[in-house]
Amino acid sequence: MRVRLYVPEAENNKEVAISKEQVRHLKVLRVKEGDKIGIFDGKGHEFEATYSGKVSDKLLLERPIRLREEPRVKITLAIAVPKGARMDVLVEKVSEIGVSNIVPIICSRSVVEPREAKVERWRKIAIEACSQCERSIVPTISEPIKFAELLSTIKQYNHVFVCHMTGTPLTKEHCECPSIMLIVGPEGDFTPAELDAAKEAGCTMVSLGPTILRTETAGIVAIGQIVGLSQKAYK
């Protein structure tokens, strides 16, 4: 597997600086002189560079690399933040699967209201996950917003689904569109008022299966189902 580094300013045929941490990373991986390295910008571009073997923080980007295919539908996951390190796991896994955006939301029954340091940590986890899985687009992770504020933004999506036991299963017809938002509530569920507000705003209730899932499990399963169904929908 090719060693890959995230450099947001990467451009073809240009020399780019890498961080001291990335230089140390190359040493730990025992990258040798002449070895090829992938440099990706997180926006869908990746380039090849040759490691000189010198203690340097500069690399010349030599040529573009053919990228892995992205999901056909852009998926935004709006999710109530679970306790402990479970959000870390969710960010890692949905970044690998193909989410485009992650929006932490604060609901009436939320138990966690993340601070800025947490959001920055999740952004780093997303970069690391994309580097490992050879994905060249890093999902954006926004600042937390209130559930009511989230509902005011949903008109920009073709479909908005609330993951809930009262819904019906997702189908490939749900995925025949350019953009989808999936909304996952807190461990204590949405309040009846929140569910009513979501329906009134135009959201569709969807079920992820017969069992009750933890918040982070529901988020991972939902993204996986949409990616799988969207591939079938366009074949």
Foldseek 3Di string as FASTA:
>chain_A
DAQEDEDQVDDAQDKDFADPVVLVVCVVVVPAFQGWHWYFNQAQWIFIWTDHRDSGRITGGHGTDDADDAFQAAEEEEFADADDCLVLVLLLLLLLLHHAEYEHEDAPPRPDQDDPVVQVVSQVSQNVSCSVNRHRHGHYYDHYYYLVVVLVPPVVFPAEEEEDPPAAADALVRQPGHYYYYYFYAPVDHDPVSVVSNVVSPHGYHYLDDDDDHRSVVSSSVSNVSSVSSVVSVD
